[in-house]
Amino acid sequence: MARVYYIHEAVRSGGYPNCSQIAEHFAVSRKTIQRDVDFMRDELRLPLEYESSQHGYYYGSPVDDFPIFDFTSSDLAALFLTKQALSQVRGTSLAKSLGESMNKLSQVLDGKVSLSWSELDEAFSVKQSGVVDADLKLFGMIAEAVLQQREIRFSYRKMGAKQLEKRQLHPYHVGEIEGGWYVIGYDPMREGIRTFALQRMVGARALKKSFERPADFHIGEYLSGSLGIWSTQNQQPQLGAEEVVIHCRDWVARVVQERRWHPTQKTKVLDDHGDLVELRMRLDSLQDVMRLVLSWGRNAKVKAPRKLQMMVTRELKAMQQKW
C-alpha cells in the first residue's frame, strides 16, 4: 500500500511517473509496479491513464483524495501493530523508510476514525535491545527474490572471519528475529539450509535463475528446535531434540513462569513458595539457551543435558580467565 500511495501522490502532482522510475525508487521489479497500477485501476477505480508523449501516468479526470478503505477493528489492530513493530528498529535506516510509509498509510484514516497515534504510542510500547541496522534496498531485493523464487548471489563474512566468501542461495524466508535481520534458504553449493545475516552480506544481487520452494518447508518448523535463529537442521547429522532441564530460583523462577520462549516449554514449581521452578523444553540447538542461562547468573542451574552443562562451564571458565 505504501507503493500505491506513492504512485497516487506522484501522479496527482503531475510528475508523470512511469513503472521504471517507481521500480527504481522502491528497488523492485517493473512487473511489481505494473501490478500496483492495475490494482489502482481495477480495485480502487482510479482514472489512471498513460501518456506516451510524457512517458508516464496521469489522472484522466480530477482526483482529490486517496480512496478510503472500509477498515474493520482487525484492520486497525494490524495497522497499529505494524506501527508498533517499527519501534524495534527505531534509529536505523530501515525504520526511517518504513516510518515514512506508515505515516502515509495512517493519513488515509484522518477524519474517518477517531484514533490518535501519539496517544497510542504513550499507552503502549515495546522495549528492544541490540537491534541491528538493515539496508532497505537490500531487504527489498531479498524480499522480492523470496516472493519470485529467484536465486541470489553475494559475498559473505562469517562471524569472526577475516575474509569474504562468495555464496549463493535459494531464499525461502527473510525477516527480523530477536533484533537481527536474516534470510534463510537452500545453499546449492553446500546442499543444505543455511541462515545469513543481512548486515554481513556484500554485493547481493538477484539472478534470473529461478527455483522451486519445497512445499514441506515451514519457517516455524525450521526454527522450532531452537530459541532463536540458530538451528542445526541440515547442517550436521540430526540426532533429535534434547530434553533441556533448568532449575531456576528467586526472580528467575518467576520470570520462567511468566514468559514463553518455546512451544515445548513446561514449568513445574518444586517448592511451597514458588521460589524454585523447573523449566523444561526440547531443543536441537543449545547455543541460544546457553546464553539465556548465562544471563540468569547464579539463579539458574542446568540439570540436563550434560552437553549443555559442559557448554556453560566452559564459557564461565573462559570468562574467568579473561577477567
C-alpha atoms as a PDB file:
ATOM      1  CA  MET A   1       0.000   0.000   0.000  1.00  0.00           C
ATOM      2  CA  ALA A   2       2.932   2.329   0.554  1.00  0.00           C
ATOM      3  CA  ARG A   3       3.837   1.981  -3.135  1.00  0.00           C
ATOM      4  CA  VAL A   4       0.242   2.598  -4.205  1.00  0.00           C
ATOM      5  CA  TYR A   5       0.046   5.767  -2.130  1.00  0.00           C
ATOM      6  CA  TYR A   6       3.394   6.924  -3.527  1.00  0.00           C
ATOM      7  CA  ILE A   7       2.152   6.385  -7.100  1.00  0.00           C
ATOM      8  CA  HIS A   8      -1.039   8.299  -6.296  1.00  0.00           C
ATOM      9  CA  GLU A   9       0.896  11.295  -4.947  1.00  0.00           C
ATOM     10  CA  ALA A  10       3.347  11.276  -7.864  1.00  0.00           C
ATOM     11  CA  VAL A  11       0.541  11.146 -10.432  1.00  0.00           C
ATOM     12  CA  ARG A  12      -1.576  13.776  -8.688  1.00  0.00           C
ATOM     13  CA  SER A  13       1.389  16.177  -8.559  1.00  0.00           C
ATOM     14  CA  GLY A  14       1.677  15.990 -12.359  1.00  0.00           C
ATOM     15  CA  GLY A  15       5.048  14.261 -12.406  1.00  0.00           C
ATOM     16  CA  TYR A  16       4.040  11.642 -14.988  1.00  0.00           C
ATOM     17  CA  PRO A  17       5.782   8.762 -13.185  1.00  0.00           C
ATOM     18  CA  ASN A  18       6.379   5.511 -15.046  1.00  0.00           C
ATOM     19  CA  CYS A  19       6.963   1.941 -13.926  1.00  0.00           C
ATOM     20  CA  SER A  20      10.730   2.083 -14.368  1.00  0.00           C
ATOM     21  CA  GLN A  21      11.130   5.190 -12.197  1.00  0.00           C
ATOM     22  CA  ILE A  22       8.911   3.864  -9.436  1.00  0.00           C
ATOM     23  CA  ALA A  23      10.545   0.428  -9.538  1.00  0.00           C
ATOM     24  CA  GLU A  24      13.968   2.025  -9.112  1.00  0.00           C
ATOM     25  CA  HIS A  25      12.721   4.123  -6.178  1.00  0.00           C
ATOM     26  CA  PHE A  26      11.442   1.056  -4.308  1.00  0.00           C
ATOM     27  CA  ALA A  27      14.129  -1.351  -5.570  1.00  0.00           C
ATOM     28  CA  VAL A  28      11.536  -3.738  -7.003  1.00  0.00           C
ATOM     29  CA  SER A  29      10.756  -5.026 -10.492  1.00  0.00           C
ATOM     30  CA  ARG A  30       8.716  -3.224 -13.171  1.00  0.00           C
ATOM     31  CA  LYS A  31       6.222  -6.092 -13.082  1.00  0.00           C
ATOM     32  CA  THR A  32       5.564  -5.402  -9.410  1.00  0.00           C
ATOM     33  CA  ILE A  33       4.776  -1.749 -10.135  1.00  0.00           C
ATOM     34  CA  GLN A  34       2.604  -2.724 -13.089  1.00  0.00           C
ATOM     35  CA  ARG A  35       0.561  -4.905 -10.740  1.00  0.00           C
ATOM     36  CA  ASP A  36       0.194  -1.923  -8.409  1.00  0.00           C
ATOM     37  CA  VAL A  37      -1.040   0.214 -11.301  1.00  0.00           C
ATOM     38  CA  ASP A  38      -3.546  -2.471 -12.301  1.00  0.00           C
ATOM     39  CA  PHE A  39      -4.750  -2.645  -8.697  1.00  0.00           C
ATOM     40  CA  MET A  40      -5.291   1.114  -8.627  1.00  0.00           C
ATOM     41  CA  ARG A  41      -7.306   0.960 -11.835  1.00  0.00           C
ATOM     42  CA  ASP A  42      -9.327  -2.186 -11.176  1.00  0.00           C
ATOM     43  CA  GLU A  43      -9.833  -2.197  -7.412  1.00  0.00           C
ATOM     44  CA  LEU A  44      -9.589   1.464  -6.420  1.00  0.00           C
ATOM     45  CA  ARG A  45     -11.292   2.712  -9.599  1.00  0.00           C
ATOM     46  CA  LEU A  46      -8.726   5.463 -10.084  1.00  0.00           C
ATOM     47  CA  PRO A  47      -8.688   7.016 -13.602  1.00  0.00           C
ATOM     48  CA  LEU A  48      -5.049   6.164 -14.329  1.00  0.00           C
ATOM     49  CA  GLU A  49      -4.045   6.660 -17.954  1.00  0.00           C
ATOM     50  CA  TYR A  50      -0.719   6.505 -19.760  1.00  0.00           C
ATOM     51  CA  GLU A  51       0.546   9.489 -21.756  1.00  0.00           C
ATOM     52  CA  SER A  52       3.034   8.223 -24.337  1.00  0.00           C
ATOM     53  CA  SER A  53       4.405  11.694 -25.107  1.00  0.00           C
ATOM     54  CA  GLN A  54       5.319  12.164 -21.424  1.00  0.00           C
ATOM     55  CA  HIS A  55       6.277   8.521 -20.907  1.00  0.00           C
ATOM     56  CA  GLY A  56       4.259   8.347 -17.708  1.00  0.00           C
ATOM     57  CA  TYR A  57       0.899   8.093 -15.986  1.00  0.00           C
ATOM     58  CA  TYR A  58      -1.673  10.806 -15.248  1.00  0.00           C
ATOM     59  CA  TYR A  59      -5.250  11.023 -13.998  1.00  0.00           C
ATOM     60  CA  GLY A  60      -7.773  11.309 -16.825  1.00  0.00           C
ATOM     61  CA  SER A  61     -10.238  13.044 -14.505  1.00  0.00           C
ATOM     62  CA  PRO A  62      -9.850  15.032 -11.255  1.00  0.00           C
ATOM     63  CA  VAL A  63      -8.949  13.017  -8.148  1.00  0.00           C
ATOM     64  CA  ASP A  64      -8.961  14.916  -4.883  1.00  0.00           C
ATOM     65  CA  ASP A  65      -8.485  12.299  -2.200  1.00  0.00           C
ATOM     66  CA  PHE A  66      -6.995   8.858  -1.982  1.00  0.00           C
ATOM     67  CA  PRO A  67      -9.805   6.252  -1.853  1.00  0.00           C
ATOM     68  CA  ILE A  68     -10.788   5.282   1.676  1.00  0.00           C
ATOM     69  CA  PHE A  69     -10.986   1.615   2.565  1.00  0.00           C
ATOM     70  CA  ASP A  70     -13.524   0.131   4.941  1.00  0.00           C
ATOM     71  CA  PHE A  71     -11.360  -0.613   7.970  1.00  0.00           C
ATOM     72  CA  THR A  72     -12.522  -3.260  10.417  1.00  0.00           C
ATOM     73  CA  SER A  73     -11.341  -3.477  14.014  1.00  0.00           C
ATOM     74  CA  SER A  74      -8.935  -6.221  12.909  1.00  0.00           C
ATOM     75  CA  ASP A  75      -7.533  -3.952  10.194  1.00  0.00           C
ATOM     76  CA  LEU A  76      -6.950  -1.180  12.712  1.00  0.00           C
ATOM     77  CA  ALA A  77      -5.283  -3.581  15.114  1.00  0.00           C
ATOM     78  CA  ALA A  78      -2.997  -4.824  12.338  1.00  0.00           C
ATOM     79  CA  LEU A  79      -2.166  -1.252  11.347  1.00  0.00           C
ATOM     80  CA  PHE A  80      -1.316  -0.336  14.916  1.00  0.00           C
ATOM     81  CA  LEU A  81       0.775  -3.464  15.481  1.00  0.00           C
ATOM     82  CA  THR A  82       2.697  -2.707  12.300  1.00  0.00           C
ATOM     83  CA  LYS A  83       3.442   0.736  13.637  1.00  0.00           C
ATOM     84  CA  GLN A  84       4.499  -0.755  16.962  1.00  0.00           C
ATOM     85  CA  ALA A  85       6.840  -3.123  15.133  1.00  0.00           C
ATOM     86  CA  LEU A  86       8.750  -0.081  13.877  1.00  0.00           C
ATOM     87  CA  SER A  87       9.828   0.614  17.450  1.00  0.00           C
ATOM     88  CA  GLN A  88      12.009  -2.493  17.233  1.00  0.00           C
ATOM     89  CA  VAL A  89      14.157  -0.871  14.558  1.00  0.00           C
ATOM     90  CA  ARG A  90      13.992   2.719  15.808  1.00  0.00           C
ATOM     91  CA  GLY A  91      17.096   4.699  14.926  1.00  0.00           C
ATOM     92  CA  THR A  92      18.006   2.572  11.914  1.00  0.00           C
ATOM     93  CA  SER A  93      17.782   3.471   8.224  1.00  0.00           C
ATOM     94  CA  LEU A  94      15.095   0.828   7.803  1.00  0.00           C
ATOM     95  CA  ALA A  95      12.930   2.496  10.442  1.00  0.00           C
ATOM     96  CA  LYS A  96      13.148   5.850   8.653  1.00  0.00           C
ATOM     97  CA  SER A  97      11.930   4.463   5.338  1.00  0.00           C
ATOM     98  CA  LEU A  98       9.243   2.251   6.868  1.00  0.00           C
ATOM     99  CA  GLY A  99       8.129   5.094   9.115  1.00  0.00           C
ATOM    100  CA  GLU A 100       7.517   7.380   6.155  1.00  0.00           C
ATOM    101  CA  SER A 101       5.372   4.710   4.515  1.00  0.00           C
ATOM    102  CA  MET A 102       3.495   4.114   7.757  1.00  0.00           C
ATOM    103  CA  ASN A 103       2.722   7.810   8.148  1.00  0.00           C
ATOM    104  CA  LYS A 104       1.303   7.926   4.628  1.00  0.00           C
ATOM    105  CA  LEU A 105      -0.946   4.965   5.361  1.00  0.00           C
ATOM    106  CA  SER A 106      -2.159   6.451   8.627  1.00  0.00           C
ATOM    107  CA  GLN A 107      -3.156   9.627   6.766  1.00  0.00           C
ATOM    108  CA  VAL A 108      -5.781   7.555   4.976  1.00  0.00           C
ATOM    109  CA  LEU A 109      -7.617   7.274   8.299  1.00  0.00           C
ATOM    110  CA  ASP A 110      -7.568  11.009   9.010  1.00  0.00           C
ATOM    111  CA  GLY A 111     -11.056  12.253   9.775  1.00  0.00           C
ATOM    112  CA  LYS A 112     -12.565   8.797   9.328  1.00  0.00           C
ATOM    113  CA  VAL A 113     -11.528   7.107  12.558  1.00  0.00           C
ATOM    114  CA  SER A 114     -11.015   8.664  15.972  1.00  0.00           C
ATOM    115  CA  LEU A 115      -7.517   7.374  16.533  1.00  0.00           C
ATOM    116  CA  SER A 116      -4.543   9.282  17.909  1.00  0.00           C
ATOM    117  CA  TRP A 117      -1.235   7.659  17.023  1.00  0.00           C
ATOM    118  CA  SER A 118       0.645   9.781  19.558  1.00  0.00           C
ATOM    119  CA  GLU A 119      -1.729   8.737  22.349  1.00  0.00           C
ATOM    120  CA  LEU A 120      -1.341   5.091  21.369  1.00  0.00           C
ATOM    121  CA  ASP A 121       2.432   5.495  21.465  1.00  0.00           C
ATOM    122  CA  GLU A 122       2.108   6.790  25.018  1.00  0.00           C
ATOM    123  CA  ALA A 123      -0.197   3.938  26.033  1.00  0.00           C
ATOM    124  CA  PHE A 124       1.727   1.034  24.516  1.00  0.00           C
ATOM    125  CA  SER A 125       5.407   0.373  23.942  1.00  0.00           C
ATOM    126  CA  VAL A 126       7.871  -2.442  23.309  1.00  0.00           C
ATOM    127  CA  LYS A 127      11.448  -2.285  24.527  1.00  0.00           C
ATOM    128  CA  GLN A 128      14.021  -3.982  22.314  1.00  0.00           C
ATOM    129  CA  SER A 129      17.774  -4.209  22.719  1.00  0.00           C
ATOM    130  CA  GLY A 130      20.635  -4.972  20.376  1.00  0.00           C
ATOM    131  CA  VAL A 131      18.740  -4.085  17.213  1.00  0.00           C
ATOM    132  CA  VAL A 132      20.764  -4.478  14.025  1.00  0.00           C
ATOM    133  CA  ASP A 133      20.534  -1.868  11.279  1.00  0.00           C
ATOM    134  CA  ALA A 134      19.337  -3.089   7.884  1.00  0.00           C
ATOM    135  CA  ASP A 135      19.599  -1.586   4.430  1.00  0.00           C
ATOM    136  CA  LEU A 136      16.142  -1.054   2.939  1.00  0.00           C
ATOM    137  CA  LYS A 137      17.194  -1.722  -0.661  1.00  0.00           C
ATOM    138  CA  LEU A 138      18.914  -4.957   0.324  1.00  0.00           C
ATOM    139  CA  PHE A 139      15.902  -6.068   2.346  1.00  0.00           C
ATOM    140  CA  GLY A 140      13.557  -5.164  -0.521  1.00  0.00           C
ATOM    141  CA  MET A 141      15.661  -7.011  -3.087  1.00  0.00           C
ATOM    142  CA  ILE A 142      15.806 -10.159  -0.985  1.00  0.00           C
ATOM    143  CA  ALA A 143      12.092  -9.977  -0.158  1.00  0.00           C
ATOM    144  CA  GLU A 144      11.348  -9.714  -3.877  1.00  0.00           C
ATOM    145  CA  ALA A 145      13.607 -12.702  -4.572  1.00  0.00           C
ATOM    146  CA  VAL A 146      11.772 -14.712  -1.911  1.00  0.00           C
ATOM    147  CA  LEU A 147       8.388 -13.923  -3.461  1.00  0.00           C
ATOM    148  CA  GLN A 148       9.538 -14.504  -7.041  1.00  0.00           C
ATOM    149  CA  GLN A 149      11.648 -17.558  -6.086  1.00  0.00           C
ATOM    150  CA  ARG A 150      14.830 -16.247  -7.693  1.00  0.00           C
ATOM    151  CA  GLU A 151      18.353 -17.258  -6.721  1.00  0.00           C
ATOM    152  CA  ILE A 152      20.576 -14.626  -5.100  1.00  0.00           C
ATOM    153  CA  ARG A 153      24.369 -14.342  -5.027  1.00  0.00           C
ATOM    154  CA  PHE A 154      26.514 -12.321  -2.661  1.00  0.00           C
ATOM    155  CA  SER A 155      29.748 -12.165  -0.730  1.00  0.00           C
ATOM    156  CA  TYR A 156      29.512 -13.004   2.953  1.00  0.00           C
ATOM    157  CA  ARG A 157      31.681 -12.565   6.014  1.00  0.00           C
ATOM    158  CA  LYS A 158      31.081 -15.203   8.663  1.00  0.00           C
ATOM    159  CA  MET A 159      31.119 -14.231  12.306  1.00  0.00           C
ATOM    160  CA  GLY A 160      34.773 -13.945  13.294  1.00  0.00           C
ATOM    161  CA  ALA A 161      36.070 -14.461   9.741  1.00  0.00           C
ATOM    162  CA  LYS A 162      38.541 -12.036   8.168  1.00  0.00           C
ATOM    163  CA  GLN A 163      37.767 -12.742   4.521  1.00  0.00           C
ATOM    164  CA  LEU A 164      34.614 -12.572   2.442  1.00  0.00           C
ATOM    165  CA  GLU A 165      33.466 -15.692   0.614  1.00  0.00           C
ATOM    166  CA  LYS A 166      31.153 -15.973  -2.374  1.00  0.00           C
ATOM    167  CA  ARG A 167      27.789 -17.585  -1.651  1.00  0.00           C
ATOM    168  CA  GLN A 168      24.576 -18.379  -3.477  1.00  0.00           C
ATOM    169  CA  LEU A 169      21.151 -19.085  -2.046  1.00  0.00           C
ATOM    170  CA  HIS A 170      17.595 -20.046  -2.877  1.00  0.00           C
ATOM    171  CA  PRO A 171      15.900 -17.693  -0.375  1.00  0.00           C
ATOM    172  CA  TYR A 172      12.875 -19.180   1.392  1.00  0.00           C
ATOM    173  CA  HIS A 173      12.292 -16.633   4.150  1.00  0.00           C
ATOM    174  CA  VAL A 174      13.524 -13.183   5.196  1.00  0.00           C
ATOM    175  CA  GLY A 175      12.672 -11.389   8.394  1.00  0.00           C
ATOM    176  CA  GLU A 176      13.575  -9.994  11.784  1.00  0.00           C
ATOM    177  CA  ILE A 177      14.338 -12.412  14.590  1.00  0.00           C
ATOM    178  CA  GLU A 178      15.307 -11.115  18.025  1.00  0.00           C
ATOM    179  CA  GLY A 179      16.549  -7.782  16.726  1.00  0.00           C
ATOM    180  CA  GLY A 180      18.550  -9.169  13.797  1.00  0.00           C
ATOM    181  CA  TRP A 181      17.655  -9.390  10.093  1.00  0.00           C
ATOM    182  CA  TYR A 182      18.175 -12.775   8.454  1.00  0.00           C
ATOM    183  CA  VAL A 183      17.499 -14.644   5.224  1.00  0.00           C
ATOM    184  CA  ILE A 184      17.029 -18.406   5.361  1.00  0.00           C
ATOM    185  CA  GLY A 185      17.186 -20.668   2.338  1.00  0.00           C
ATOM    186  CA  TYR A 186      18.800 -23.554   0.483  1.00  0.00           C
ATOM    187  CA  ASP A 187      22.509 -23.341  -0.329  1.00  0.00           C
ATOM    188  CA  PRO A 188      23.024 -25.407  -3.533  1.00  0.00           C
ATOM    189  CA  MET A 189      26.808 -25.486  -3.062  1.00  0.00           C
ATOM    190  CA  ARG A 190      26.590 -26.934   0.449  1.00  0.00           C
ATOM    191  CA  GLU A 191      23.368 -28.841  -0.215  1.00  0.00           C
ATOM    192  CA  GLY A 192      21.574 -27.702   2.907  1.00  0.00           C
ATOM    193  CA  ILE A 193      19.524 -24.984   4.579  1.00  0.00           C
ATOM    194  CA  ARG A 194      21.600 -22.022   5.709  1.00  0.00           C
ATOM    195  CA  THR A 195      20.969 -18.759   7.549  1.00  0.00           C
ATOM    196  CA  PHE A 196      22.637 -15.444   6.662  1.00  0.00           C
ATOM    197  CA  ALA A 197      22.653 -12.116   8.498  1.00  0.00           C
ATOM    198  CA  LEU A 198      21.776  -9.266   6.128  1.00  0.00           C
ATOM    199  CA  GLN A 199      24.311  -6.885   7.678  1.00  0.00           C
ATOM    200  CA  ARG A 200      27.153  -9.241   6.726  1.00  0.00           C
ATOM    201  CA  MET A 201      26.102  -9.587   3.083  1.00  0.00           C
ATOM    202  CA  VAL A 202      28.005  -7.595   0.441  1.00  0.00           C
ATOM    203  CA  GLY A 203      27.142  -7.049  -3.228  1.00  0.00           C
ATOM    204  CA  ALA A 204      23.932  -9.075  -3.114  1.00  0.00           C
ATOM    205  CA  ARG A 205      22.016  -9.407  -6.369  1.00  0.00           C
ATOM    206  CA  ALA A 206      19.074 -11.423  -7.637  1.00  0.00           C
ATOM    207  CA  LEU A 207      19.595 -13.634 -10.687  1.00  0.00           C
ATOM    208  CA  LYS A 208      17.167 -14.600 -13.413  1.00  0.00           C
ATOM    209  CA  LYS A 209      17.658 -18.216 -12.393  1.00  0.00           C
ATOM    210  CA  SER A 210      14.557 -19.430 -10.574  1.00  0.00           C
ATOM    211  CA  PHE A 211      13.980 -22.236  -8.096  1.00  0.00           C
ATOM    212  CA  GLU A 212      11.014 -24.044  -6.605  1.00  0.00           C
ATOM    213  CA  ARG A 213      10.443 -23.669  -2.895  1.00  0.00           C
ATOM    214  CA  PRO A 214       9.761 -27.065  -1.251  1.00  0.00           C
ATOM    215  CA  ALA A 215       6.135 -27.415  -0.247  1.00  0.00           C
ATOM    216  CA  ASP A 216       7.198 -29.010   3.031  1.00  0.00           C
ATOM    217  CA  PHE A 217       9.387 -26.097   4.177  1.00  0.00           C
ATOM    218  CA  HIS A 218       7.798 -24.133   7.007  1.00  0.00           C
ATOM    219  CA  ILE A 219       9.766 -21.457   8.828  1.00  0.00           C
ATOM    220  CA  GLY A 220       8.034 -22.210  12.119  1.00  0.00           C
ATOM    221  CA  GLU A 221       9.041 -25.855  11.980  1.00  0.00           C
ATOM    222  CA  TYR A 222      12.573 -24.983  10.899  1.00  0.00           C
ATOM    223  CA  LEU A 223      13.118 -22.715  13.905  1.00  0.00           C
ATOM    224  CA  SER A 224      11.176 -24.872  16.354  1.00  0.00           C
ATOM    225  CA  GLY A 225      14.310 -26.683  17.505  1.00  0.00           C
ATOM    226  CA  SER A 226      15.928 -23.540  18.907  1.00  0.00           C
ATOM    227  CA  LEU A 227      15.123 -20.447  20.947  1.00  0.00           C
ATOM    228  CA  GLY A 228      16.391 -18.063  18.284  1.00  0.00           C
ATOM    229  CA  ILE A 229      17.815 -18.083  14.776  1.00  0.00           C
ATOM    230  CA  TRP A 230      20.302 -20.907  15.236  1.00  0.00           C
ATOM    231  CA  SER A 231      19.064 -24.290  14.055  1.00  0.00           C
ATOM    232  CA  THR A 232      21.016 -27.477  13.446  1.00  0.00           C
ATOM    233  CA  GLN A 233      18.699 -28.723  10.707  1.00  0.00           C
ATOM    234  CA  ASN A 234      20.549 -29.747   7.540  1.00  0.00           C
ATOM    235  CA  GLN A 235      23.862 -28.535   8.970  1.00  0.00           C
ATOM    236  CA  GLN A 236      25.007 -31.622  10.851  1.00  0.00           C
ATOM    237  CA  PRO A 237      23.745 -35.165  11.473  1.00  0.00           C
ATOM    238  CA  GLN A 238      20.364 -34.771  13.139  1.00  0.00           C
ATOM    239  CA  LEU A 239      20.449 -36.542  16.491  1.00  0.00           C
ATOM    240  CA  GLY A 240      16.999 -35.427  17.546  1.00  0.00           C
ATOM    241  CA  ALA A 241      15.882 -32.810  20.015  1.00  0.00           C
ATOM    242  CA  GLU A 242      17.343 -32.986  23.513  1.00  0.00           C
ATOM    243  CA  GLU A 243      15.442 -32.534  26.750  1.00  0.00           C
ATOM    244  CA  VAL A 244      16.691 -29.358  28.433  1.00  0.00           C
ATOM    245  CA  VAL A 245      16.080 -29.118  32.183  1.00  0.00           C
ATOM    246  CA  ILE A 246      16.953 -25.988  34.163  1.00  0.00           C
ATOM    247  CA  HIS A 247      16.260 -25.298  37.840  1.00  0.00           C
ATOM    248  CA  CYS A 248      15.508 -21.638  38.468  1.00  0.00           C
ATOM    249  CA  ARG A 249      15.466 -19.672  41.727  1.00  0.00           C
ATOM    250  CA  ASP A 250      14.455 -16.260  43.031  1.00  0.00           C
ATOM    251  CA  TRP A 251      13.393 -13.739  40.336  1.00  0.00           C
ATOM    252  CA  VAL A 252      14.238 -16.160  37.505  1.00  0.00           C
ATOM    253  CA  ALA A 253      11.716 -18.633  38.948  1.00  0.00           C
ATOM    254  CA  ARG A 254       9.014 -16.019  38.471  1.00  0.00           C
ATOM    255  CA  VAL A 255      10.213 -14.990  35.020  1.00  0.00           C
ATOM    256  CA  VAL A 256      10.137 -18.510  33.570  1.00  0.00           C
ATOM    257  CA  GLN A 257       6.507 -18.914  34.649  1.00  0.00           C
ATOM    258  CA  GLU A 258       5.503 -15.634  33.027  1.00  0.00           C
ATOM    259  CA  ARG A 259       7.375 -15.806  29.734  1.00  0.00           C
ATOM    260  CA  ARG A 260       7.291 -18.283  26.862  1.00  0.00           C
ATOM    261  CA  TRP A 261      10.414 -18.940  24.796  1.00  0.00           C
ATOM    262  CA  HIS A 262       9.488 -22.190  23.045  1.00  0.00           C
ATOM    263  CA  PRO A 263       6.374 -24.228  22.115  1.00  0.00           C
ATOM    264  CA  THR A 264       7.617 -27.265  24.090  1.00  0.00           C
ATOM    265  CA  GLN A 265       8.272 -25.212  27.221  1.00  0.00           C
ATOM    266  CA  LYS A 266       6.893 -26.572  30.504  1.00  0.00           C
ATOM    267  CA  THR A 267       7.362 -25.352  34.072  1.00  0.00           C
ATOM    268  CA  LYS A 268       6.902 -27.086  37.409  1.00  0.00           C
ATOM    269  CA  VAL A 269       7.014 -25.499  40.863  1.00  0.00           C
ATOM    270  CA  LEU A 270       9.340 -27.528  43.107  1.00  0.00           C
ATOM    271  CA  ASP A 271       8.694 -25.885  46.490  1.00  0.00           C
ATOM    272  CA  ASP A 272       5.805 -24.494  48.512  1.00  0.00           C
ATOM    273  CA  HIS A 273       6.560 -20.839  47.803  1.00  0.00           C
ATOM    274  CA  GLY A 274       7.290 -20.824  44.074  1.00  0.00           C
ATOM    275  CA  ASP A 275      10.919 -19.843  44.654  1.00  0.00           C
ATOM    276  CA  LEU A 276      12.257 -22.952  42.921  1.00  0.00           C
ATOM    277  CA  VAL A 277      10.881 -23.781  39.474  1.00  0.00           C
ATOM    278  CA  GLU A 278      11.894 -26.394  36.922  1.00  0.00           C
ATOM    279  CA  LEU A 279      11.963 -25.307  33.279  1.00  0.00           C
ATOM    280  CA  ARG A 280      11.814 -27.966  30.551  1.00  0.00           C
ATOM    281  CA  MET A 281      11.901 -27.761  26.752  1.00  0.00           C
ATOM    282  CA  ARG A 282      13.052 -29.874  23.812  1.00  0.00           C
ATOM    283  CA  LEU A 283      15.713 -28.267  21.595  1.00  0.00           C
ATOM    284  CA  ASP A 284      18.037 -29.451  18.840  1.00  0.00           C
ATOM    285  CA  SER A 285      20.280 -26.384  19.208  1.00  0.00           C
ATOM    286  CA  LEU A 286      21.739 -25.334  22.561  1.00  0.00           C
ATOM    287  CA  GLN A 287      23.515 -22.090  21.666  1.00  0.00           C
ATOM    288  CA  ASP A 288      20.645 -19.754  22.483  1.00  0.00           C
ATOM    289  CA  VAL A 289      19.598 -21.493  25.693  1.00  0.00           C
ATOM    290  CA  MET A 290      23.224 -21.403  26.880  1.00  0.00           C
ATOM    291  CA  ARG A 291      23.236 -17.621  26.500  1.00  0.00           C
ATOM    292  CA  LEU A 292      19.897 -17.448  28.300  1.00  0.00           C
ATOM    293  CA  VAL A 293      21.222 -19.473  31.240  1.00  0.00           C
ATOM    294  CA  LEU A 294      24.339 -17.312  31.480  1.00  0.00           C
ATOM    295  CA  SER A 295      22.182 -14.179  31.583  1.00  0.00           C
ATOM    296  CA  TRP A 296      20.379 -15.583  34.632  1.00  0.00           C
ATOM    297  CA  GLY A 297      23.613 -15.951  36.579  1.00  0.00           C
ATOM    298  CA  ARG A 298      23.524 -17.745  39.943  1.00  0.00           C
ATOM    299  CA  ASN A 299      19.742 -18.125  39.801  1.00  0.00           C
ATOM    300  CA  ALA A 300      19.798 -20.876  37.151  1.00  0.00           C
ATOM    301  CA  LYS A 301      21.370 -24.338  37.187  1.00  0.00           C
ATOM    302  CA  VAL A 302      21.404 -26.711  34.217  1.00  0.00           C
ATOM    303  CA  LYS A 303      20.313 -30.216  35.204  1.00  0.00           C
ATOM    304  CA  ALA A 304      20.281 -31.711  31.694  1.00  0.00           C
ATOM    305  CA  PRO A 305      21.619 -32.429  29.157  1.00  0.00           C
ATOM    306  CA  ARG A 306      25.243 -32.996  30.086  1.00  0.00           C
ATOM    307  CA  LYS A 307      26.303 -31.279  26.862  1.00  0.00           C
ATOM    308  CA  LEU A 308      24.656 -28.023  27.930  1.00  0.00           C
ATOM    309  CA  GLN A 309      26.261 -28.253  31.378  1.00  0.00           C
ATOM    310  CA  MET A 310      29.667 -28.553  29.715  1.00  0.00           C
ATOM    311  CA  MET A 311      28.970 -25.618  27.394  1.00  0.00           C
ATOM    312  CA  VAL A 312      28.019 -23.345  30.300  1.00  0.00           C
ATOM    313  CA  THR A 313      31.023 -24.493  32.358  1.00  0.00           C
ATOM    314  CA  ARG A 314      33.466 -23.820  29.503  1.00  0.00           C
ATOM    315  CA  GLU A 315      32.028 -20.368  28.916  1.00  0.00           C
ATOM    316  CA  LEU A 316      32.223 -19.455  32.613  1.00  0.00           C
ATOM    317  CA  LYS A 317      35.843 -20.614  32.794  1.00  0.00           C
ATOM    318  CA  ALA A 318      36.716 -18.607  29.690  1.00  0.00           C
ATOM    319  CA  MET A 319      35.095 -15.516  31.209  1.00  0.00           C
ATOM    320  CA  GLN A 320      37.027 -16.006  34.440  1.00  0.00           C
ATOM    321  CA  GLN A 321      40.322 -16.269  32.560  1.00  0.00           C
ATOM    322  CA  LYS A 322      39.556 -13.116  30.570  1.00  0.00           C
ATOM    323  CA  TRP A 323      38.747 -11.043  33.633  1.00  0.00           C
END
